[in-house]
Each structure stands twice: as C-alpha cells, then as structure tokens.
Protein backbone atom coordinates (compact mmCIF):
# COMPACT_ATOMS: atom_id res chain seq x y z
CA MET A 1 10.55 -9.39 20.91
CA LYS A 2 8.16 -12.12 21.97
CA LEU A 3 6.35 -14.30 19.46
CA SER A 4 3.10 -12.89 20.81
CA SER A 5 4.11 -9.48 19.46
CA ILE A 6 4.57 -10.95 15.99
CA SER A 7 1.12 -12.49 16.27
CA ARG A 8 -0.36 -9.11 17.15
CA ILE A 9 1.23 -7.57 14.05
CA ALA A 10 -0.18 -10.35 11.89
CA LEU A 11 -3.64 -9.79 13.34
CA LEU A 12 -3.34 -6.06 12.69
CA LEU A 13 -2.66 -6.70 9.02
CA LEU A 14 -5.93 -8.59 8.53
CA PRO A 15 -8.44 -5.78 9.15
CA LEU A 16 -6.41 -3.46 6.95
CA GLY A 17 -6.78 -5.84 4.01
CA MET A 18 -3.02 -6.26 3.72
CA SER A 19 -0.82 -9.17 2.77
CA THR A 20 2.89 -9.71 3.27
CA SER A 21 5.54 -10.12 0.61
CA CYS A 22 9.24 -9.53 0.13
CA VAL A 23 10.31 -5.91 0.63
CA HIS A 24 12.98 -4.15 -1.38
CA LEU A 25 14.69 -2.18 1.38
CA MET A 26 17.92 -1.52 -0.52
CA PRO A 27 18.00 -2.54 -4.19
CA THR A 28 20.80 -4.97 -4.95
CA GLN A 29 23.63 -3.14 -6.72
CA ARG A 30 21.39 -0.08 -7.06
CA GLU A 31 18.71 -1.96 -8.97
CA PHE A 32 17.22 1.24 -10.36
CA LYS A 33 16.45 1.10 -14.08
CA THR A 34 15.98 4.06 -16.38
CA SER A 35 14.12 1.98 -18.94
CA ALA A 36 10.85 0.35 -17.90
CA THR A 37 11.46 -3.31 -18.68
CA PHE A 38 8.31 -4.21 -16.77
CA ALA A 39 5.80 -2.90 -19.35
CA ASP A 40 4.06 -5.11 -21.88
CA ASP A 41 4.83 -2.93 -24.90
CA ALA A 42 8.21 -1.53 -23.88
CA THR A 43 10.08 -1.11 -27.11
CA LEU A 44 12.33 1.86 -26.41
CA SER A 45 15.82 1.75 -24.99
CA ALA A 46 16.93 3.98 -22.14
CA GLY A 47 18.49 6.40 -24.61
CA GLU A 48 15.15 6.95 -26.31
CA LEU A 49 13.43 7.97 -23.10
CA HIS A 50 13.38 11.59 -21.96
CA ALA A 51 16.88 12.12 -20.61
CA THR A 52 16.10 14.37 -17.66
CA PRO A 53 13.28 13.70 -15.18
CA VAL A 54 11.14 16.73 -14.39
CA GLU A 55 9.20 17.85 -11.33
CA PRO A 56 5.68 16.40 -10.98
CA ASP A 57 2.68 18.69 -11.42
CA PHE A 58 1.04 18.54 -7.98
CA THR A 59 -2.48 19.38 -6.84
CA GLU A 60 -3.02 20.37 -3.20
CA LEU A 61 -5.44 18.10 -1.33
CA LYS A 62 -8.04 19.78 0.86
CA VAL A 63 -8.46 17.51 3.87
CA ASP A 64 -10.34 17.88 7.15
CA ARG A 65 -7.90 17.32 10.01
CA SER A 66 -9.98 18.54 12.95
CA LEU A 67 -9.84 16.58 16.23
CA SER A 68 -12.96 15.50 18.09
CA PRO A 69 -13.00 16.87 21.67
CA ALA A 70 -13.79 13.33 22.86
CA LEU A 71 -10.26 12.28 21.88
CA LEU A 72 -8.90 14.55 24.62
CA GLN A 73 -10.74 12.59 27.32
CA PRO A 74 -9.22 9.49 28.96
CA LEU A 75 -10.84 6.12 28.50
CA GLY A 76 -13.53 5.70 31.14
CA GLY A 77 -13.84 2.85 33.59
CA PRO A 78 -11.36 0.38 35.08
CA TYR A 79 -8.79 -1.71 33.24
CA ARG A 80 -10.39 -4.61 31.34
CA VAL A 81 -8.48 -7.87 31.38
CA GLY A 82 -7.74 -9.67 28.11
CA PRO A 83 -5.89 -12.71 26.74
CA GLY A 84 -2.18 -12.61 27.54
CA ASP A 85 -2.53 -10.56 30.71
CA THR A 86 -0.79 -11.95 33.80
CA LEU A 87 -2.60 -11.68 37.15
CA ASP A 88 -1.33 -11.94 40.72
CA ILE A 89 -4.02 -13.75 42.74
CA GLU A 90 -4.14 -14.57 46.47
CA VAL A 91 -6.72 -15.53 49.05
CA ALA A 92 -6.35 -12.86 51.77
CA GLU A 93 -4.19 -13.88 54.75
CA LEU A 94 -3.20 -17.16 53.11
CA ALA A 95 0.22 -16.56 51.58
CA ALA A 96 0.45 -20.14 50.33
CA THR A 97 -2.41 -19.44 47.91
CA ARG A 98 -0.55 -16.73 46.04
CA ALA A 99 -0.08 -17.51 42.34
CA THR A 100 0.78 -15.68 39.14
CA THR A 101 -1.59 -16.81 36.41
CA ARG A 102 -1.78 -15.93 32.72
CA VAL A 103 -5.09 -15.39 30.95
CA MET A 104 -5.41 -17.96 28.17
CA PRO A 105 -5.94 -17.01 24.49
CA ASP A 106 -9.64 -17.90 24.82
CA GLY A 107 -10.00 -15.60 27.85
CA MET A 108 -10.10 -18.43 30.40
CA LEU A 109 -8.40 -18.11 33.79
CA TYR A 110 -7.45 -21.08 35.99
CA TYR A 111 -6.61 -20.57 39.68
CA ASN A 112 -6.31 -22.87 42.66
CA VAL A 113 -9.19 -25.35 42.99
CA ALA A 114 -11.70 -23.03 41.29
CA LYS A 115 -12.98 -24.16 37.94
CA GLY A 116 -11.87 -22.15 34.92
CA ILE A 117 -13.67 -18.85 34.38
CA ASN A 118 -13.82 -16.52 31.39
CA VAL A 119 -12.33 -13.18 32.47
CA LYS A 120 -12.12 -11.43 29.10
CA ASP A 121 -13.21 -7.75 29.36
CA LYS A 122 -13.74 -8.04 33.13
CA SER A 123 -12.24 -5.73 35.75
CA VAL A 124 -9.99 -7.10 38.50
CA GLN A 125 -12.78 -6.33 40.99
CA GLU A 126 -15.24 -8.41 39.00
CA ILE A 127 -12.73 -11.27 38.79
CA SER A 128 -12.07 -11.03 42.53
CA THR A 129 -15.79 -11.25 43.31
CA GLN A 130 -16.29 -14.24 41.01
CA LEU A 131 -13.30 -16.16 42.42
CA SER A 132 -14.39 -15.45 45.99
CA ALA A 133 -17.77 -17.04 45.25
CA LEU A 134 -16.22 -20.06 43.53
CA LEU A 135 -13.85 -20.76 46.43
CA ALA A 136 -16.50 -20.44 49.16
CA ASP A 137 -16.73 -24.21 49.55
CA ASP A 138 -12.98 -24.59 50.06
CA TYR A 139 -12.13 -21.59 52.27
CA VAL A 140 -13.92 -19.80 55.10
CA SER A 141 -15.37 -16.52 53.80
CA PRO A 142 -12.56 -16.10 51.25
CA VAL A 143 -11.60 -12.65 50.02
CA VAL A 144 -9.58 -13.01 46.81
CA SER A 145 -7.09 -10.31 45.89
CA VAL A 146 -6.49 -9.83 42.13
CA ASN A 147 -3.86 -7.48 40.68
CA ILE A 148 -2.42 -6.90 37.20
CA ALA A 149 1.13 -8.26 37.05
CA ASN A 150 1.67 -7.76 33.31
CA ALA A 151 -0.74 -5.99 30.93
CA ASP A 152 0.02 -7.70 27.63
CA SER A 153 -3.47 -7.43 26.12
CA GLN A 154 -3.74 -3.63 26.35
CA ARG A 155 -0.72 -2.25 24.54
CA PHE A 156 0.20 0.39 21.96
CA TRP A 157 3.08 0.80 19.51
CA MET A 158 5.53 3.72 19.77
CA LEU A 159 7.65 3.58 16.61
CA GLY A 160 10.19 5.57 14.63
CA GLN A 161 12.41 8.33 15.96
CA VAL A 162 12.27 7.56 19.67
CA GLU A 163 15.00 6.21 21.89
CA ASN A 164 13.26 2.89 22.63
CA PRO A 165 10.68 2.01 19.96
CA GLY A 166 8.40 -0.90 20.75
CA THR A 167 5.14 -1.89 22.41
CA TYR A 168 4.07 -0.46 25.75
CA PRO A 169 1.30 -1.49 28.18
CA LEU A 170 -1.71 0.71 28.86
CA THR A 171 -2.41 0.27 32.54
CA LYS A 172 -3.42 3.90 33.15
CA PRO A 173 -4.56 6.93 31.08
CA THR A 174 -1.74 7.75 28.63
CA THR A 175 -1.50 10.73 26.28
CA VAL A 176 0.64 11.11 23.15
CA ILE A 177 3.20 13.07 25.20
CA ASP A 178 3.22 10.27 27.77
CA ALA A 179 3.70 7.72 24.98
CA ILE A 180 6.69 9.56 23.55
CA SER A 181 8.19 9.77 27.05
CA LEU A 182 7.70 6.04 27.54
CA GLY A 183 9.63 5.58 24.30
CA GLY A 184 12.55 7.52 25.76
CA GLY A 185 11.85 10.80 23.95
CA LEU A 186 12.42 11.91 20.37
CA LEU A 187 15.74 11.41 18.61
CA SER A 188 17.99 14.00 17.02
CA ASN A 189 21.26 14.30 15.17
CA ARG A 190 24.35 14.41 17.39
CA GLU A 191 27.74 13.20 16.12
CA GLY A 192 26.05 11.22 13.37
CA ILE A 193 23.78 9.35 15.78
CA GLU A 194 20.17 10.41 16.21
CA VAL A 195 19.54 11.04 19.91
CA THR A 196 17.31 13.45 21.98
CA ASN A 197 16.37 16.52 19.93
CA PRO A 198 12.93 16.83 18.32
CA GLU A 199 14.40 18.62 15.28
CA ALA A 200 15.59 15.30 13.77
CA ALA A 201 12.09 13.80 13.89
CA ASP A 202 9.81 14.61 10.96
CA LEU A 203 6.86 15.84 13.02
CA GLU A 204 4.97 16.96 9.90
CA LYS A 205 4.70 13.34 8.79
CA ALA A 206 4.18 11.74 12.21
CA ILE A 207 0.96 9.74 12.45
CA LEU A 208 -1.38 8.10 14.95
CA ILE A 209 -3.41 5.16 13.60
CA ARG A 210 -6.34 3.64 15.47
CA ASP A 211 -8.48 0.74 14.25
CA GLY A 212 -7.28 1.26 10.69
CA LYS A 213 -8.07 4.99 10.71
CA LEU A 214 -5.93 8.09 11.00
CA ILE A 215 -6.31 10.22 14.15
CA PRO A 216 -5.36 13.71 12.90
CA VAL A 217 -2.91 14.78 15.61
CA ASP A 218 -0.72 17.74 14.65
CA PHE A 219 2.56 16.52 16.17
CA ALA A 220 4.43 19.68 15.15
CA ARG A 221 2.00 21.91 17.06
CA LEU A 222 2.04 19.54 20.03
CA ILE A 223 5.81 19.13 20.35
CA THR A 224 7.23 22.44 19.14
CA GLN A 225 4.44 24.77 20.29
CA GLY A 226 3.14 22.90 23.32
CA ASP A 227 -0.41 22.92 21.96
CA MET A 228 -2.23 20.60 24.38
CA THR A 229 -5.32 20.54 22.17
CA GLN A 230 -3.37 17.94 20.17
CA ASN A 231 -2.42 15.78 23.16
CA VAL A 232 -5.01 13.04 22.67
CA TYR A 233 -5.26 9.91 24.81
CA VAL A 234 -3.79 6.68 23.46
CA HIS A 235 -6.04 3.62 23.09
CA PRO A 236 -5.09 -0.08 23.09
CA GLY A 237 -3.76 -1.14 19.70
CA ASP A 238 -2.77 2.39 18.62
CA TYR A 239 0.23 2.94 16.33
CA ILE A 240 2.28 6.10 16.78
CA PHE A 241 4.96 6.53 14.13
CA VAL A 242 7.46 9.43 13.96
CA PRO A 243 9.63 9.17 10.82
CA SER A 244 13.14 10.53 10.46
CA LEU A 245 13.75 13.97 9.00
CA THR A 246 17.15 12.98 7.62
CA VAL A 247 16.94 9.26 6.78
CA ARG A 248 14.40 8.87 4.01
CA SER A 249 13.01 6.03 1.98
CA LEU A 250 10.25 6.39 -0.53
CA TYR A 251 7.39 3.95 -0.79
CA VAL A 252 6.00 2.14 -3.82
CA LEU A 253 2.64 0.62 -2.90
CA GLY A 254 -0.50 -0.80 -4.44
CA ALA A 255 -0.49 -3.12 -7.44
CA VAL A 256 3.27 -3.77 -7.70
CA ASN A 257 5.14 -7.03 -7.22
CA ARG A 258 7.20 -5.99 -4.19
CA PRO A 259 5.23 -3.24 -2.40
CA GLY A 260 7.07 -1.48 0.38
CA PRO A 261 9.95 0.92 1.07
CA VAL A 262 12.56 1.56 -1.62
CA TYR A 263 16.01 2.97 -0.96
CA TYR A 264 16.11 6.66 -1.92
CA GLU A 265 19.04 8.50 -3.40
CA PRO A 266 18.99 11.93 -5.11
CA GLY A 267 17.85 11.63 -8.69
CA THR A 268 15.55 8.67 -8.17
CA SER A 269 12.68 8.82 -10.66
CA VAL A 270 9.25 7.18 -10.91
CA LEU A 271 10.44 4.51 -13.33
CA ALA A 272 13.46 3.71 -11.17
CA ALA A 273 11.33 3.37 -8.05
CA VAL A 274 8.64 1.24 -9.70
CA ALA A 275 11.28 -1.01 -11.23
CA ALA A 276 12.93 -1.42 -7.83
CA ALA A 277 9.55 -2.54 -6.49
CA GLY A 278 9.39 -5.29 -9.11
CA GLY A 279 7.21 -3.45 -11.60
CA PRO A 280 3.40 -3.31 -11.78
CA LYS A 281 1.28 -6.41 -11.45
CA THR A 282 -0.69 -7.69 -14.40
CA GLY A 283 -3.80 -5.57 -14.84
CA ALA A 284 -2.49 -2.59 -12.86
CA ILE A 285 -3.72 0.82 -13.98
CA VAL A 286 -0.34 2.19 -15.08
CA THR A 287 -1.85 5.19 -16.89
CA LYS A 288 -3.27 6.72 -13.68
CA ALA A 289 -0.70 6.10 -10.96
CA LEU A 290 -0.19 8.68 -8.21
CA ILE A 291 2.63 10.42 -6.39
CA VAL A 292 1.59 11.61 -2.92
CA ARG A 293 3.89 14.05 -1.16
CA GLY A 294 3.76 16.10 2.02
CA GLY A 295 2.45 13.74 4.68
CA THR A 296 -1.04 13.43 6.06
CA ARG A 297 -1.52 17.04 7.16
CA HIS A 298 -0.50 18.98 4.05
CA PRO A 299 -0.63 16.45 1.21
CA LYS A 300 -0.43 17.07 -2.50
CA VAL A 301 -0.89 14.60 -5.33
CA ALA A 302 0.28 14.23 -8.93
CA VAL A 303 -1.19 11.85 -11.52
CA VAL A 304 1.43 9.80 -13.37
CA ASN A 305 1.16 7.99 -16.69
CA ILE A 306 3.82 5.31 -16.22
CA LYS A 307 3.07 3.83 -19.63
CA GLY A 308 3.50 7.24 -21.26
CA ILE A 309 6.86 7.71 -19.53
CA MET A 310 8.01 4.27 -20.57
CA THR A 311 7.14 4.77 -24.23
CA GLY A 312 8.77 8.19 -24.35
CA ARG A 313 5.54 10.17 -24.81
CA GLU A 314 5.98 11.83 -21.40
CA PRO A 315 9.05 12.74 -19.35
CA ASP A 316 10.00 10.72 -16.28
CA LEU A 317 9.30 12.42 -12.93
CA ILE A 318 11.75 13.15 -10.14
CA LEU A 319 10.96 11.93 -6.61
CA GLU A 320 11.85 13.04 -3.09
CA GLY A 321 12.50 11.01 0.05
CA GLY A 322 9.23 10.24 1.78
CA ASP A 323 7.17 10.25 -1.44
CA ILE A 324 4.50 7.60 -1.93
CA VAL A 325 4.14 6.15 -5.43
CA TRP A 326 0.79 4.39 -5.76
CA VAL A 327 -0.06 2.06 -8.64
CA PRO A 328 -3.84 1.43 -8.69
CA GLN A 329 -5.40 -1.98 -9.20
CA SER A 330 -8.77 -0.53 -10.26
CA PRO A 331 -9.85 2.57 -12.22
CA TRP A 332 -10.76 5.72 -10.33
CA THR A 333 -12.51 8.96 -11.28
CA LYS A 334 -12.52 11.43 -8.36
CA LEU A 335 -8.89 12.35 -7.75
CA GLU A 336 -9.25 14.06 -4.38
CA ASP A 337 -11.41 11.30 -2.83
CA TYR A 338 -9.21 8.54 -4.21
CA ALA A 339 -5.94 10.23 -3.18
CA GLU A 340 -7.29 10.69 0.37
CA GLY A 341 -7.94 6.95 0.56
CA VAL A 342 -4.49 6.22 -0.83
CA LEU A 343 -2.85 8.51 1.73
CA LEU A 344 -4.55 6.86 4.70
CA THR A 345 -3.97 3.32 3.45
CA ALA A 346 -0.31 4.10 2.73
CA ALA A 347 0.08 5.58 6.22
CA GLN A 348 -1.20 2.31 7.67
CA ALA A 349 1.14 0.27 5.48
CA ILE A 350 4.17 2.34 6.46
CA ALA A 351 3.37 2.11 10.19
CA VAL A 352 2.86 -1.66 10.01
CA GLN A 353 6.09 -2.02 8.01
CA GLU A 354 7.91 -0.14 10.77
CA GLY A 355 6.46 -2.60 13.28
CA LEU A 356 7.65 -5.56 11.21
CA GLY A 357 11.09 -3.99 10.95
CA LEU A 358 11.22 -3.56 14.72
CA LEU A 359 10.59 -7.29 15.10
CA GLY A 360 13.38 -8.08 12.63
CA THR A 361 10.86 -9.61 10.25
CA VAL A 362 11.65 -9.60 6.53
CA GLY A 363 8.38 -8.73 4.91
CA GLY A 364 6.39 -6.01 3.26
CA THR A 365 2.90 -4.69 3.24
CA GLY A 366 0.97 -5.03 0.03
CA VAL A 367 -2.07 -2.81 0.17
CA THR A 368 -5.02 -2.29 -2.15
CA ILE A 369 -8.00 0.04 -1.90
CA SER A 370 -11.12 0.15 -4.01
CA ALA A 371 -11.64 2.96 -6.49
CA GLN A 372 -14.10 5.57 -5.25
CA GLN A 373 -16.55 6.61 -7.93
C-alpha cells in the first residue's frame, strides 16, 4: 500500500478525536488475568473473587436506523479533481504535448509552459478551459484535452470479509453493492478458508461510516433479501466494514492503556479483557463501564462495576466475540444516550483499526467521547 494511503488513514483519525497506541491483538502467553491487578485498592487474590463469571444483565437500546431517501441518489455533477489525482493532458492534434501530470498536495497543477494553476475541486472541463486560455500565446487556438488517469483523491475503503479489501477510486456513481463487487465479493467458509459465500460475513454488524457518522444501512436486508432501499451510494472517504461471522475479537476501548482488539477465546471475562488491554487509565470511571453487544442495528448494553468485580462484591461477567467493553473517562447519567455515542464511536474505531491492519501498521485506536448529561 502506498504511503499516501497511510497518510489518509492518519488524517481520518484526527476528526474522530482518536490517537494511536500499541494494540493487544493476541495477548502474550494468554495474558488474561482473573484477578484485577490494575486497580488501586486490589487486595483480593484470584481465589477470593467470584469463581464463575455470569451473563451480563443487558438493556435493549432503542435506536433510529431509518435511511434518508437522499442517500439513494447518486452524487450530482461531474468528478471534482483533488490532490493526488493524475491527469492526462494534451493540446489537440499535437501528440508531442501529451503529458501525465499529478495534482500537487496544495491543489496546484503544472503543465507545459502554462503557469501553475489551482485545480482543486474543479471539473476536467473547467481545467481544460483554463489551460486553453493560458496557452493561447504559445499555440494557435489551442484546445486542451484533460482526462482522469488515476483518481487518488476520491476513494473509499472496502474492508473486512471481501476478497480484495482496500481502497477504491470513485470515478463514477457507486452503490454499496458495486463497492462489494469491486472488493471481489463477500467471503465464506470453504475448506477452512473464507471465500465467496455471504453466510461467513457478519452482515448484522457490517457498517458504513461517512464523515465520522454511521450511515444506517441494513446489510442483511440488502444482501440476503435483495432490498434495494438499502443500496445507498458511496461517497469519497467512506468506510465499509464487513466483519467475520466466525473469526471474532472483542474490543476494549475508551480510557484503558492499550485500547483496541483483544484476542477472544471462550470463557473470556470482563476482568480478563480489561487486563489484556493494559487496565484502566488513571481517573477512569471503573464503576460505570459498559458492555455493548449486538452491533449497530440491534444493540444492547450492560453497565459494569469493574471495581466491584475486582473487590469481590460483584461477580465477573462473561463476554462474547464481537463485544465492546467501554471504560469511560468522564461520568455519565443518561444510559441510552451515552451508550448510543459509545456504539458509534466504537464502530469508527474498529473500522479505522481494520484500515491500519490492512496497511500492516502496528497501532491501535484510542477513543474518548464526552459524557452526555
């Protein structure tokens, strides 16, 4: 993957309010702990804790997941050039003038004897007209042809359970179905290798993120039922992420020392997962942590008193693959509002983490949201 792709990921992190840190993808020697050595007043040994973790007590979240009809319309107007795009330019009937030119990071374009011009957000027709005017003193009635050779500035991410995850250019109207096709189609389980059957993709937890917000596409209805009311158009910078149904991590995010994915194995508990993530940061609200389960379409949330578990006053809680454990940095009061914010921020973190993993970058996404009063 080109360095420019890494730069785009880094830029994406900034508006989300994220920072990078080391990620615990697979704890060294199963670094799960049954005693919470990370707490300030931990005085009990593992044997004094509740021996058997129990199921969390979940509350269903009521969320609005309706799609705006405008999302089903393609982007209007011609392609707009941006930094990183490569253009093929030629003065008509003068083959010697043909050149392939890249738009500079500041939006400037340099061609032939014309002075540099800023082409950011301009159409190829507008660029052609401007170059023709600039070259009028050097050529007789020049007509300048401008075409897109490589659309690097207008791209989207297709990640997760597709044959060829990565970034793809947006040179024409592209729907979610088109995007999945560009990625080679969904993967499935055949002879231990996930290839070409939608049943191995976790469509219930698939997400589309745009400008730091969740676009509520129902991937299950779209893929398995052919419901075209869910087939929205992709925009530049979009993240589409389809997780695996069979290969699961869980995620420990928020105010912990190593936020990110944690290796999941049956029997993993809240204390084990938080310990694998390096424990809470100083000042974290460990009495009102959250477990979010069920994805963005049918989520449910449980409040967790990590301190109570650690001191033996409450039993530890059993986790499932795909769960999100959130340790708050600030107090909160309205559970449903706060959990909705956690769910969306975690979805962003997970999608960005997938992008970093695709680039082979060792790093994690530390995310924090403000408490909603």
